[in-house]
Amino acid sequence: MEARLSELELEKVQLVSTCTERLQALHDAKLEKDELLQELRAGQRELAGLAALEAAARMQKQITAKRGQADALQSTVKFLEEAMANTAKEKHYLREENSKLSQKLSCVRTENIRLAGDVEILRSQDKWLKEKLSKMETALDKASLQFAECQEQEAMRCRLQRTLDVRVSAFLRSVGPTSATSPMIRAQEVKTKKSKEKERQLFK
């Protein structure tokens, strides 16, 4: 009986020792679990921070990209505004030039109408002058013909006069110089000389 009690006591001690060891192991396991949980939570917090940093970095990149797009869009808008302003200025300039050209064209048309009237007047004057010139040429031809006839008649008269003068001179010479005929001979010679000169001038 005592031996049995001793065995039971020994088993009890062993059981207590085993339970104590298991409780210590369980306590150690719990402590290790708590440490692991703390490490896990710290890791989760760190991961969350890293995720937040990555998210912030991505957001910063997106913001930078959006800002670049906004700057590019702003530059495009500014360029378009300047282009529109320049186009408006050019349209205004072209309107003014078109107005000036229209005024010049109106002046040119008025001048062309005036010149057309002047040309018509000049044509009428030219026609009148041509008709007058034709009449003057006809009259000149008649006058030239009459002058030629008169010149021919004058030449014939001069020939006849010279012939007569030669015959008179020959007659006076045949009679011989006397106090009465000498002045007549000299006068006849002068007259004959003048007749020759006049005839020479007519036939130049």
N, C-alpha and C. Protein backbone atom coordinates (compact mmCIF):
# COMPACT_ATOMS: atom_id res chain seq x y z
N MET A 1 0.83 -1.19 0.00
CA MET A 1 0.00 0.00 0.00
C MET A 1 0.87 1.24 0.00
N GLU A 2 1.84 1.23 0.83
CA GLU A 2 2.76 2.33 0.89
C GLU A 2 3.55 2.45 -0.41
N ALA A 3 3.86 1.27 -0.92
CA ALA A 3 4.59 1.29 -2.19
C ALA A 3 3.73 1.90 -3.30
N ARG A 4 2.45 1.56 -3.20
CA ARG A 4 1.54 2.12 -4.22
C ARG A 4 1.42 3.61 -4.06
N LEU A 5 1.33 4.06 -2.82
CA LEU A 5 1.25 5.48 -2.55
C LEU A 5 2.49 6.17 -3.00
N SER A 6 3.62 5.54 -2.79
CA SER A 6 4.89 6.12 -3.24
C SER A 6 4.90 6.26 -4.77
N GLU A 7 4.38 5.26 -5.43
CA GLU A 7 4.34 5.31 -6.90
C GLU A 7 3.40 6.44 -7.35
N LEU A 8 2.25 6.51 -6.63
CA LEU A 8 1.29 7.54 -7.00
C LEU A 8 1.86 8.94 -6.74
N GLU A 9 2.59 9.01 -5.57
CA GLU A 9 3.23 10.28 -5.24
C GLU A 9 4.26 10.65 -6.31
N LEU A 10 5.02 9.64 -6.70
CA LEU A 10 6.03 9.86 -7.74
C LEU A 10 5.38 10.29 -9.07
N GLU A 11 4.27 9.58 -9.40
CA GLU A 11 3.56 9.93 -10.64
C GLU A 11 2.99 11.34 -10.54
N LYS A 12 2.54 11.63 -9.27
CA LYS A 12 1.99 12.98 -9.08
C LYS A 12 3.06 14.02 -9.29
N VAL A 13 4.21 13.73 -8.66
CA VAL A 13 5.32 14.69 -8.81
C VAL A 13 5.72 14.80 -10.28
N GLN A 14 5.79 13.65 -10.93
CA GLN A 14 6.17 13.65 -12.36
C GLN A 14 5.10 14.40 -13.20
N LEU A 15 3.82 14.13 -12.78
CA LEU A 15 2.72 14.77 -13.51
C LEU A 15 2.76 16.27 -13.29
N VAL A 16 3.02 16.65 -12.00
CA VAL A 16 3.10 18.09 -11.71
C VAL A 16 4.26 18.70 -12.47
N SER A 17 5.37 17.97 -12.43
CA SER A 17 6.55 18.48 -13.16
C SER A 17 6.24 18.60 -14.66
N THR A 18 5.56 17.56 -15.15
CA THR A 18 5.23 17.59 -16.59
C THR A 18 4.26 18.74 -16.89
N CYS A 19 3.28 18.88 -16.00
CA CYS A 19 2.32 19.99 -16.21
C CYS A 19 2.99 21.34 -16.11
N THR A 20 3.92 21.40 -15.12
CA THR A 20 4.65 22.66 -14.97
C THR A 20 5.46 22.97 -16.23
N GLU A 21 6.13 21.92 -16.70
CA GLU A 21 6.93 22.10 -17.93
C GLU A 21 6.01 22.51 -19.09
N ARG A 22 4.84 21.84 -19.15
CA ARG A 22 3.92 22.15 -20.26
C ARG A 22 3.36 23.57 -20.11
N LEU A 23 3.07 23.92 -18.82
CA LEU A 23 2.57 25.29 -18.60
C LEU A 23 3.64 26.31 -18.94
N GLN A 24 4.88 25.99 -18.59
CA GLN A 24 5.98 26.90 -18.94
C GLN A 24 6.13 26.99 -20.45
N ALA A 25 6.04 25.82 -21.11
CA ALA A 25 6.15 25.80 -22.57
C ALA A 25 5.00 26.58 -23.21
N LEU A 26 3.78 26.38 -22.57
CA LEU A 26 2.62 27.11 -23.07
C LEU A 26 2.81 28.61 -22.86
N HIS A 27 3.35 28.96 -21.65
CA HIS A 27 3.62 30.38 -21.37
C HIS A 27 4.64 30.93 -22.36
N ASP A 28 5.71 30.15 -22.57
CA ASP A 28 6.75 30.59 -23.53
C ASP A 28 6.15 30.72 -24.94
N ALA A 29 5.29 29.74 -25.27
CA ALA A 29 4.65 29.79 -26.59
C ALA A 29 3.76 31.03 -26.72
N LYS A 30 3.05 31.33 -25.56
CA LYS A 30 2.18 32.51 -25.57
C LYS A 30 3.01 33.77 -25.73
N LEU A 31 4.15 33.80 -24.97
CA LEU A 31 5.03 34.97 -25.09
C LEU A 31 5.55 35.09 -26.53
N GLU A 32 5.95 33.93 -27.06
CA GLU A 32 6.46 33.94 -28.45
C GLU A 32 5.36 34.38 -29.42
N LYS A 33 4.12 33.89 -29.11
CA LYS A 33 2.98 34.29 -29.97
C LYS A 33 2.75 35.80 -29.90
N ASP A 34 2.83 36.33 -28.64
CA ASP A 34 2.63 37.77 -28.47
C ASP A 34 3.71 38.56 -29.21
N GLU A 35 4.97 38.04 -29.09
CA GLU A 35 6.06 38.72 -29.80
C GLU A 35 5.84 38.67 -31.32
N LEU A 36 5.42 37.47 -31.75
CA LEU A 36 5.17 37.34 -33.18
C LEU A 36 4.02 38.25 -33.63
N LEU A 37 2.99 38.33 -32.77
CA LEU A 37 1.87 39.22 -33.10
C LEU A 37 2.32 40.68 -33.16
N GLN A 38 3.18 41.05 -32.19
CA GLN A 38 3.71 42.42 -32.20
C GLN A 38 4.54 42.68 -33.45
N GLU A 39 5.41 41.66 -33.74
CA GLU A 39 6.22 41.80 -34.96
C GLU A 39 5.33 41.86 -36.20
N LEU A 40 4.26 41.03 -36.17
CA LEU A 40 3.34 41.03 -37.32
C LEU A 40 2.65 42.38 -37.46
N ARG A 41 2.20 42.90 -36.30
CA ARG A 41 1.54 44.21 -36.35
C ARG A 41 2.50 45.30 -36.79
N ALA A 42 3.75 45.19 -36.25
CA ALA A 42 4.75 46.18 -36.68
C ALA A 42 5.02 46.05 -38.17
N GLY A 43 5.11 44.78 -38.62
CA GLY A 43 5.31 44.57 -40.06
C GLY A 43 4.14 45.10 -40.87
N GLN A 44 2.93 44.85 -40.33
CA GLN A 44 1.75 45.36 -41.04
C GLN A 44 1.75 46.89 -41.09
N ARG A 45 2.14 47.48 -39.90
CA ARG A 45 2.22 48.94 -39.89
C ARG A 45 3.27 49.45 -40.88
N GLU A 46 4.41 48.71 -40.88
CA GLU A 46 5.47 49.12 -41.82
C GLU A 46 5.02 48.95 -43.26
N LEU A 47 4.35 47.79 -43.49
CA LEU A 47 3.83 47.58 -44.84
C LEU A 47 2.80 48.64 -45.21
N ALA A 48 1.99 48.96 -44.24
CA ALA A 48 1.00 50.02 -44.49
C ALA A 48 1.68 51.34 -44.80
N GLY A 49 2.74 51.60 -44.04
CA GLY A 49 3.50 52.83 -44.32
C GLY A 49 4.13 52.82 -45.69
N LEU A 50 4.70 51.62 -45.99
CA LEU A 50 5.30 51.51 -47.34
C LEU A 50 4.24 51.64 -48.42
N ALA A 51 3.11 51.00 -48.18
CA ALA A 51 2.01 51.11 -49.15
C ALA A 51 1.55 52.56 -49.29
N ALA A 52 1.50 53.22 -48.11
CA ALA A 52 1.11 54.64 -48.15
C ALA A 52 2.14 55.46 -48.90
N LEU A 53 3.45 55.13 -48.64
CA LEU A 53 4.51 55.85 -49.35
C LEU A 53 4.45 55.57 -50.86
N GLU A 54 4.23 54.26 -51.18
CA GLU A 54 4.10 53.93 -52.61
C GLU A 54 2.88 54.62 -53.22
N ALA A 55 1.80 54.62 -52.45
CA ALA A 55 0.59 55.29 -52.96
C ALA A 55 0.85 56.79 -53.12
N ALA A 56 1.56 57.34 -52.11
CA ALA A 56 1.88 58.77 -52.20
C ALA A 56 2.80 59.05 -53.37
N ALA A 57 3.78 58.11 -53.58
CA ALA A 57 4.70 58.28 -54.70
C ALA A 57 3.94 58.19 -56.02
N ARG A 58 3.03 57.19 -56.10
CA ARG A 58 2.23 57.06 -57.32
C ARG A 58 1.37 58.30 -57.53
N MET A 59 0.78 58.76 -56.43
CA MET A 59 -0.05 59.95 -56.52
C MET A 59 0.78 61.16 -56.94
N GLN A 60 2.03 61.24 -56.38
CA GLN A 60 2.90 62.35 -56.76
C GLN A 60 3.25 62.29 -58.24
N LYS A 61 3.53 61.05 -58.70
CA LYS A 61 3.81 60.87 -60.13
C LYS A 61 2.60 61.28 -60.96
N GLN A 62 1.42 60.84 -60.51
CA GLN A 62 0.20 61.21 -61.24
C GLN A 62 0.00 62.72 -61.23
N ILE A 63 0.24 63.32 -60.04
CA ILE A 63 0.09 64.77 -59.93
C ILE A 63 1.08 65.47 -60.86
N THR A 64 2.36 64.95 -60.84
CA THR A 64 3.38 65.54 -61.73
C THR A 64 2.98 65.40 -63.19
N ALA A 65 2.48 64.19 -63.55
CA ALA A 65 2.05 63.96 -64.94
C ALA A 65 0.88 64.86 -65.28
N LYS A 66 -0.09 64.95 -64.34
CA LYS A 66 -1.25 65.82 -64.58
C LYS A 66 -0.82 67.28 -64.70
N ARG A 67 0.17 67.64 -63.82
CA ARG A 67 0.65 69.02 -63.89
C ARG A 67 1.32 69.29 -65.23
N GLY A 68 2.11 68.28 -65.70
CA GLY A 68 2.72 68.43 -67.02
C GLY A 68 1.67 68.55 -68.12
N GLN A 69 0.63 67.70 -68.02
CA GLN A 69 -0.46 67.79 -69.00
C GLN A 69 -1.16 69.13 -68.92
N ALA A 70 -1.34 69.60 -67.65
CA ALA A 70 -2.00 70.90 -67.47
C ALA A 70 -1.14 72.02 -68.06
N ASP A 71 0.19 71.94 -67.82
CA ASP A 71 1.09 72.95 -68.38
C ASP A 71 1.06 72.91 -69.90
N ALA A 72 1.10 71.68 -70.45
CA ALA A 72 1.04 71.55 -71.91
C ALA A 72 -0.27 72.09 -72.45
N LEU A 73 -1.36 71.76 -71.73
CA LEU A 73 -2.68 72.26 -72.16
C LEU A 73 -2.73 73.77 -72.05
N GLN A 74 -2.14 74.32 -70.97
CA GLN A 74 -2.11 75.77 -70.80
C GLN A 74 -1.31 76.43 -71.91
N SER A 75 -0.16 75.80 -72.27
CA SER A 75 0.65 76.32 -73.38
C SER A 75 -0.13 76.27 -74.68
N THR A 76 -0.85 75.16 -74.88
CA THR A 76 -1.67 75.04 -76.10
C THR A 76 -2.77 76.10 -76.13
N VAL A 77 -3.41 76.29 -74.96
CA VAL A 77 -4.48 77.31 -74.88
C VAL A 77 -3.89 78.70 -75.15
N LYS A 78 -2.72 78.97 -74.58
CA LYS A 78 -2.08 80.27 -74.79
C LYS A 78 -1.72 80.46 -76.26
N PHE A 79 -1.18 79.38 -76.86
CA PHE A 79 -0.83 79.45 -78.29
C PHE A 79 -2.08 79.70 -79.13
N LEU A 80 -3.16 78.98 -78.80
CA LEU A 80 -4.41 79.16 -79.56
C LEU A 80 -4.97 80.57 -79.36
N GLU A 81 -4.86 81.08 -78.12
CA GLU A 81 -5.35 82.44 -77.88
C GLU A 81 -4.54 83.45 -78.68
N GLU A 82 -3.18 83.29 -78.70
CA GLU A 82 -2.34 84.19 -79.49
C GLU A 82 -2.65 84.06 -80.97
N ALA A 83 -2.85 82.79 -81.40
CA ALA A 83 -3.18 82.57 -82.83
C ALA A 83 -4.51 83.24 -83.18
N MET A 84 -5.50 83.11 -82.27
CA MET A 84 -6.80 83.74 -82.51
C MET A 84 -6.66 85.26 -82.53
N ALA A 85 -5.83 85.80 -81.60
CA ALA A 85 -5.62 87.25 -81.58
C ALA A 85 -4.95 87.71 -82.87
N ASN A 86 -3.93 86.95 -83.31
CA ASN A 86 -3.25 87.31 -84.57
C ASN A 86 -4.20 87.18 -85.75
N THR A 87 -5.03 86.14 -85.72
CA THR A 87 -6.01 85.96 -86.80
C THR A 87 -7.00 87.13 -86.83
N ALA A 88 -7.42 87.56 -85.62
CA ALA A 88 -8.35 88.70 -85.55
C ALA A 88 -7.69 89.96 -86.10
N LYS A 89 -6.40 90.17 -85.72
CA LYS A 89 -5.67 91.32 -86.24
C LYS A 89 -5.55 91.24 -87.76
N GLU A 90 -5.20 90.04 -88.24
CA GLU A 90 -5.05 89.86 -89.69
C GLU A 90 -6.37 90.09 -90.43
N LYS A 91 -7.47 89.60 -89.83
CA LYS A 91 -8.79 89.83 -90.44
C LYS A 91 -9.10 91.31 -90.48
N HIS A 92 -8.79 92.01 -89.38
CA HIS A 92 -9.03 93.45 -89.34
C HIS A 92 -8.19 94.16 -90.40
N TYR A 93 -6.92 93.76 -90.51
CA TYR A 93 -6.03 94.35 -91.53
C TYR A 93 -6.56 94.07 -92.94
N LEU A 94 -6.99 92.81 -93.14
CA LEU A 94 -7.50 92.44 -94.46
C LEU A 94 -8.79 93.20 -94.78
N ARG A 95 -9.63 93.42 -93.76
CA ARG A 95 -10.85 94.22 -94.00
C ARG A 95 -10.48 95.64 -94.42
N GLU A 96 -9.49 96.23 -93.71
CA GLU A 96 -9.06 97.59 -94.07
C GLU A 96 -8.48 97.61 -95.47
N GLU A 97 -7.62 96.63 -95.80
CA GLU A 97 -7.03 96.57 -97.14
C GLU A 97 -8.12 96.36 -98.20
N ASN A 98 -9.09 95.52 -97.88
CA ASN A 98 -10.18 95.29 -98.83
C ASN A 98 -10.98 96.56 -99.05
N SER A 99 -11.20 97.32 -97.95
CA SER A 99 -11.91 98.59 -98.08
C SER A 99 -11.12 99.57 -98.94
N LYS A 100 -9.77 99.65 -98.69
CA LYS A 100 -8.93 100.53 -99.49
C LYS A 100 -8.94 100.11 -100.96
N LEU A 101 -8.83 98.80 -101.19
CA LEU A 101 -8.83 98.31 -102.58
C LEU A 101 -10.16 98.58 -103.25
N SER A 102 -11.25 98.46 -102.49
CA SER A 102 -12.57 98.75 -103.06
C SER A 102 -12.67 100.22 -103.46
N GLN A 103 -12.14 101.10 -102.59
CA GLN A 103 -12.14 102.53 -102.92
C GLN A 103 -11.29 102.80 -104.16
N LYS A 104 -10.08 102.17 -104.19
CA LYS A 104 -9.21 102.35 -105.36
C LYS A 104 -9.88 101.83 -106.62
N LEU A 105 -10.56 100.66 -106.49
CA LEU A 105 -11.24 100.08 -107.64
C LEU A 105 -12.35 101.00 -108.12
N SER A 106 -13.07 101.61 -107.17
CA SER A 106 -14.12 102.55 -107.55
C SER A 106 -13.52 103.75 -108.28
N CYS A 107 -12.38 104.26 -107.75
CA CYS A 107 -11.71 105.39 -108.41
C CYS A 107 -11.24 104.99 -109.80
N VAL A 108 -10.70 103.76 -109.92
CA VAL A 108 -10.21 103.29 -111.22
C VAL A 108 -11.37 103.16 -112.20
N ARG A 109 -12.50 102.65 -111.72
CA ARG A 109 -13.67 102.52 -112.60
C ARG A 109 -14.14 103.90 -113.07
N THR A 110 -14.19 104.86 -112.11
CA THR A 110 -14.58 106.22 -112.48
C THR A 110 -13.60 106.80 -113.49
N GLU A 111 -12.30 106.57 -113.24
CA GLU A 111 -11.29 107.07 -114.18
C GLU A 111 -11.41 106.40 -115.54
N ASN A 112 -11.71 105.08 -115.53
CA ASN A 112 -11.89 104.37 -116.81
C ASN A 112 -13.08 104.93 -117.59
N ILE A 113 -14.15 105.24 -116.85
CA ILE A 113 -15.32 105.83 -117.52
C ILE A 113 -14.95 107.18 -118.13
N ARG A 114 -14.20 107.99 -117.33
CA ARG A 114 -13.78 109.30 -117.84
C ARG A 114 -12.86 109.15 -119.04
N LEU A 115 -11.92 108.18 -118.95
CA LEU A 115 -10.99 107.95 -120.06
C LEU A 115 -11.73 107.45 -121.30
N ALA A 116 -12.76 106.60 -121.06
CA ALA A 116 -13.55 106.12 -122.20
C ALA A 116 -14.24 107.30 -122.90
N GLY A 117 -14.75 108.24 -122.09
CA GLY A 117 -15.35 109.44 -122.69
C GLY A 117 -14.32 110.25 -123.45
N ASP A 118 -13.11 110.41 -122.84
CA ASP A 118 -12.04 111.15 -123.53
C ASP A 118 -11.64 110.46 -124.83
N VAL A 119 -11.56 109.12 -124.77
CA VAL A 119 -11.20 108.36 -125.98
C VAL A 119 -12.24 108.56 -127.07
N GLU A 120 -13.51 108.57 -126.66
CA GLU A 120 -14.58 108.78 -127.65
C GLU A 120 -14.47 110.17 -128.26
N ILE A 121 -14.16 111.17 -127.40
CA ILE A 121 -13.98 112.54 -127.91
C ILE A 121 -12.80 112.60 -128.87
N LEU A 122 -11.69 111.94 -128.46
CA LEU A 122 -10.49 111.93 -129.32
C LEU A 122 -10.76 111.21 -130.64
N ARG A 123 -11.57 110.14 -130.59
CA ARG A 123 -11.92 109.45 -131.83
C ARG A 123 -12.71 110.37 -132.76
N SER A 124 -13.66 111.10 -132.15
CA SER A 124 -14.44 112.04 -132.96
C SER A 124 -13.54 113.13 -133.54
N GLN A 125 -12.62 113.66 -132.69
CA GLN A 125 -11.69 114.68 -133.18
C GLN A 125 -10.79 114.13 -134.27
N ASP A 126 -10.33 112.87 -134.04
CA ASP A 126 -9.45 112.24 -135.04
C ASP A 126 -10.19 112.07 -136.37
N LYS A 127 -11.43 111.63 -136.27
CA LYS A 127 -12.23 111.48 -137.50
C LYS A 127 -12.40 112.83 -138.20
N TRP A 128 -12.71 113.87 -137.38
CA TRP A 128 -12.90 115.21 -137.97
C TRP A 128 -11.60 115.71 -138.60
N LEU A 129 -10.46 115.48 -137.89
CA LEU A 129 -9.16 115.91 -138.43
C LEU A 129 -8.80 115.15 -139.71
N LYS A 130 -9.10 113.86 -139.72
CA LYS A 130 -8.82 113.08 -140.93
C LYS A 130 -9.63 113.60 -142.11
N GLU A 131 -10.92 113.87 -141.83
CA GLU A 131 -11.76 114.42 -142.91
C GLU A 131 -11.23 115.78 -143.36
N LYS A 132 -10.85 116.61 -142.38
CA LYS A 132 -10.32 117.94 -142.72
C LYS A 132 -9.01 117.81 -143.47
N LEU A 133 -8.15 116.88 -143.02
CA LEU A 133 -6.87 116.66 -143.70
C LEU A 133 -7.09 116.18 -145.13
N SER A 134 -8.09 115.28 -145.30
CA SER A 134 -8.38 114.80 -146.64
C SER A 134 -8.82 115.95 -147.54
N LYS A 135 -9.67 116.82 -146.97
CA LYS A 135 -10.11 117.97 -147.76
C LYS A 135 -8.95 118.91 -148.07
N MET A 136 -8.07 119.10 -147.05
CA MET A 136 -6.91 119.98 -147.27
C MET A 136 -5.96 119.38 -148.30
N GLU A 137 -5.80 118.04 -148.25
CA GLU A 137 -4.93 117.39 -149.24
C GLU A 137 -5.51 117.54 -150.65
N THR A 138 -6.85 117.39 -150.73
CA THR A 138 -7.50 117.56 -152.04
C THR A 138 -7.30 118.99 -152.55
N ALA A 139 -7.52 119.95 -151.60
CA ALA A 139 -7.34 121.36 -151.98
C ALA A 139 -5.87 121.64 -152.34
N LEU A 140 -4.95 121.02 -151.59
CA LEU A 140 -3.53 121.21 -151.88
C LEU A 140 -3.16 120.62 -153.23
N ASP A 141 -3.73 119.45 -153.53
CA ASP A 141 -3.48 118.85 -154.84
C ASP A 141 -3.97 119.77 -155.96
N LYS A 142 -5.17 120.33 -155.74
CA LYS A 142 -5.71 121.25 -156.75
C LYS A 142 -4.82 122.49 -156.86
N ALA A 143 -4.40 123.03 -155.67
CA ALA A 143 -3.55 124.22 -155.67
C ALA A 143 -2.21 123.92 -156.33
N SER A 144 -1.66 122.71 -156.05
CA SER A 144 -0.39 122.33 -156.66
C SER A 144 -0.52 122.22 -158.17
N LEU A 145 -1.66 121.62 -158.57
CA LEU A 145 -1.89 121.48 -160.01
C LEU A 145 -2.02 122.86 -160.66
N GLN A 146 -2.79 123.73 -159.97
CA GLN A 146 -2.95 125.09 -160.51
C GLN A 146 -1.62 125.83 -160.52
N PHE A 147 -0.83 125.61 -159.41
CA PHE A 147 0.48 126.28 -159.36
C PHE A 147 1.39 125.77 -160.47
N ALA A 148 1.33 124.45 -160.70
CA ALA A 148 2.16 123.89 -161.78
C ALA A 148 1.74 124.46 -163.13
N GLU A 149 0.41 124.57 -163.31
CA GLU A 149 -0.07 125.14 -164.57
C GLU A 149 0.37 126.60 -164.71
N CYS A 150 0.23 127.34 -163.59
CA CYS A 150 0.64 128.74 -163.62
C CYS A 150 2.14 128.86 -163.87
N GLN A 151 2.90 127.94 -163.21
CA GLN A 151 4.35 127.98 -163.38
C GLN A 151 4.72 127.66 -164.83
N GLU A 152 3.99 126.71 -165.38
CA GLU A 152 4.25 126.36 -166.78
C GLU A 152 3.91 127.53 -167.71
N GLN A 153 2.77 128.15 -167.38
CA GLN A 153 2.38 129.32 -168.20
C GLN A 153 3.40 130.46 -168.05
N GLU A 154 3.87 130.65 -166.78
CA GLU A 154 4.86 131.71 -166.55
C GLU A 154 6.16 131.39 -167.28
N ALA A 155 6.53 130.10 -167.29
CA ALA A 155 7.74 129.69 -168.01
C ALA A 155 7.59 129.94 -169.51
N MET A 156 6.41 129.62 -170.01
CA MET A 156 6.16 129.86 -171.43
C MET A 156 6.21 131.35 -171.74
N ARG A 157 5.62 132.14 -170.85
CA ARG A 157 5.65 133.59 -171.07
C ARG A 157 7.08 134.11 -171.03
N CYS A 158 7.91 133.57 -170.06
CA CYS A 158 9.30 134.00 -169.97
C CYS A 158 10.08 133.63 -171.22
N ARG A 159 9.80 132.43 -171.77
CA ARG A 159 10.50 132.02 -173.00
C ARG A 159 10.13 132.96 -174.16
N LEU A 160 8.82 133.20 -174.21
CA LEU A 160 8.38 134.10 -175.28
C LEU A 160 8.97 135.49 -175.11
N GLN A 161 8.98 135.97 -173.86
CA GLN A 161 9.53 137.29 -173.59
C GLN A 161 11.02 137.33 -173.92
N ARG A 162 11.74 136.25 -173.55
CA ARG A 162 13.17 136.22 -173.83
C ARG A 162 13.43 136.18 -175.35
N THR A 163 12.59 135.37 -176.01
CA THR A 163 12.73 135.32 -177.47
C THR A 163 12.49 136.68 -178.10
N LEU A 164 11.46 137.35 -177.59
CA LEU A 164 11.14 138.68 -178.09
C LEU A 164 12.26 139.65 -177.79
N ASP A 165 12.81 139.54 -176.55
CA ASP A 165 13.90 140.43 -176.15
C ASP A 165 15.14 140.20 -177.00
N VAL A 166 15.41 138.93 -177.30
CA VAL A 166 16.58 138.61 -178.15
C VAL A 166 16.40 139.20 -179.55
N ARG A 167 15.20 139.05 -180.03
CA ARG A 167 14.95 139.57 -181.39
C ARG A 167 15.03 141.10 -181.41
N VAL A 168 14.49 141.73 -180.37
CA VAL A 168 14.56 143.20 -180.31
C VAL A 168 16.00 143.65 -180.19
N SER A 169 16.77 142.93 -179.36
CA SER A 169 18.19 143.29 -179.21
C SER A 169 18.94 143.11 -180.53
N ALA A 170 18.63 142.02 -181.22
CA ALA A 170 19.30 141.79 -182.51
C ALA A 170 18.92 142.87 -183.52
N PHE A 171 17.64 143.25 -183.46
CA PHE A 171 17.19 144.30 -184.36
C PHE A 171 17.89 145.62 -184.05
N LEU A 172 17.98 145.95 -182.77
CA LEU A 172 18.62 147.21 -182.38
C LEU A 172 20.09 147.20 -182.74
N ARG A 173 20.74 146.07 -182.59
CA ARG A 173 22.15 145.99 -182.95
C ARG A 173 22.33 146.13 -184.47
N SER A 174 21.34 145.53 -185.20
CA SER A 174 21.45 145.61 -186.67
C SER A 174 21.27 147.04 -187.14
N VAL A 175 20.50 147.81 -186.44
CA VAL A 175 20.30 149.20 -186.79
C VAL A 175 21.57 149.99 -186.49
N GLY A 176 22.26 149.53 -185.43
CA GLY A 176 23.49 150.22 -185.06
C GLY A 176 23.27 151.17 -183.91
N PRO A 177 24.27 151.37 -183.07
CA PRO A 177 24.10 152.26 -181.93
C PRO A 177 24.04 153.72 -182.35
N THR A 178 23.09 154.35 -181.86
CA THR A 178 22.94 155.79 -182.09
C THR A 178 22.59 156.42 -180.77
N SER A 179 22.51 157.71 -180.80
CA SER A 179 22.15 158.42 -179.56
C SER A 179 20.74 158.04 -179.13
N ALA A 180 19.94 157.60 -180.07
CA ALA A 180 18.56 157.24 -179.75
C ALA A 180 18.44 155.78 -179.35
N THR A 181 19.24 154.89 -179.97
CA THR A 181 19.08 153.45 -179.74
C THR A 181 19.96 152.92 -178.61
N SER A 182 21.03 153.61 -178.29
CA SER A 182 21.96 153.10 -177.25
C SER A 182 21.24 152.88 -175.91
N PRO A 183 20.48 153.85 -175.39
CA PRO A 183 19.76 153.57 -174.13
C PRO A 183 18.77 152.42 -174.27
N MET A 184 18.16 152.30 -175.43
CA MET A 184 17.21 151.22 -175.65
C MET A 184 17.91 149.86 -175.65
N ILE A 185 19.12 149.84 -176.26
CA ILE A 185 19.88 148.56 -176.30
C ILE A 185 20.26 148.13 -174.88
N ARG A 186 20.77 149.13 -174.10
CA ARG A 186 21.17 148.78 -172.73
C ARG A 186 19.96 148.34 -171.90
N ALA A 187 18.86 148.99 -172.07
CA ALA A 187 17.65 148.61 -171.35
C ALA A 187 17.17 147.22 -171.75
N GLN A 188 17.29 146.94 -173.05
CA GLN A 188 16.85 145.63 -173.55
C GLN A 188 17.76 144.52 -173.04
N GLU A 189 19.06 144.82 -172.96
CA GLU A 189 20.00 143.81 -172.43
C GLU A 189 19.70 143.50 -170.95
N VAL A 190 19.43 144.57 -170.20
CA VAL A 190 19.08 144.36 -168.78
C VAL A 190 17.80 143.54 -168.67
N LYS A 191 16.81 143.86 -169.53
CA LYS A 191 15.54 143.15 -169.51
C LYS A 191 15.73 141.69 -169.89
N THR A 192 16.60 141.43 -170.88
CA THR A 192 16.89 140.05 -171.31
C THR A 192 17.56 139.27 -170.20
N LYS A 193 18.48 139.93 -169.51
CA LYS A 193 19.19 139.28 -168.40
C LYS A 193 18.22 138.91 -167.28
N LYS A 194 17.31 139.82 -166.97
CA LYS A 194 16.32 139.54 -165.94
C LYS A 194 15.41 138.39 -166.33
N SER A 195 15.05 138.34 -167.62
CA SER A 195 14.18 137.26 -168.10
C SER A 195 14.88 135.91 -167.96
N LYS A 196 16.18 135.86 -168.29
CA LYS A 196 16.94 134.61 -168.13
C LYS A 196 17.00 134.18 -166.65
N GLU A 197 17.24 135.18 -165.77
CA GLU A 197 17.33 134.87 -164.34
C GLU A 197 16.00 134.35 -163.81
N LYS A 198 14.91 134.96 -164.23
CA LYS A 198 13.60 134.54 -163.78
C LYS A 198 13.28 133.13 -164.29
N GLU A 199 13.65 132.87 -165.56
CA GLU A 199 13.41 131.54 -166.13
C GLU A 199 14.25 130.48 -165.41
N ARG A 200 15.49 130.85 -165.03
CA ARG A 200 16.36 129.93 -164.30
C ARG A 200 15.74 129.59 -162.95
N GLN A 201 15.18 130.58 -162.27
CA GLN A 201 14.56 130.36 -160.96
C GLN A 201 13.32 129.47 -161.07
N LEU A 202 12.58 129.63 -162.16
CA LEU A 202 11.38 128.81 -162.33
C LEU A 202 11.72 127.35 -162.52
N PHE A 203 12.86 127.02 -163.12
CA PHE A 203 13.22 125.64 -163.44
C PHE A 203 14.25 125.06 -162.49
N LYS A 204 14.40 125.66 -161.35
CA LYS A 204 15.33 125.09 -160.35
C LYS A 204 14.74 123.79 -159.81
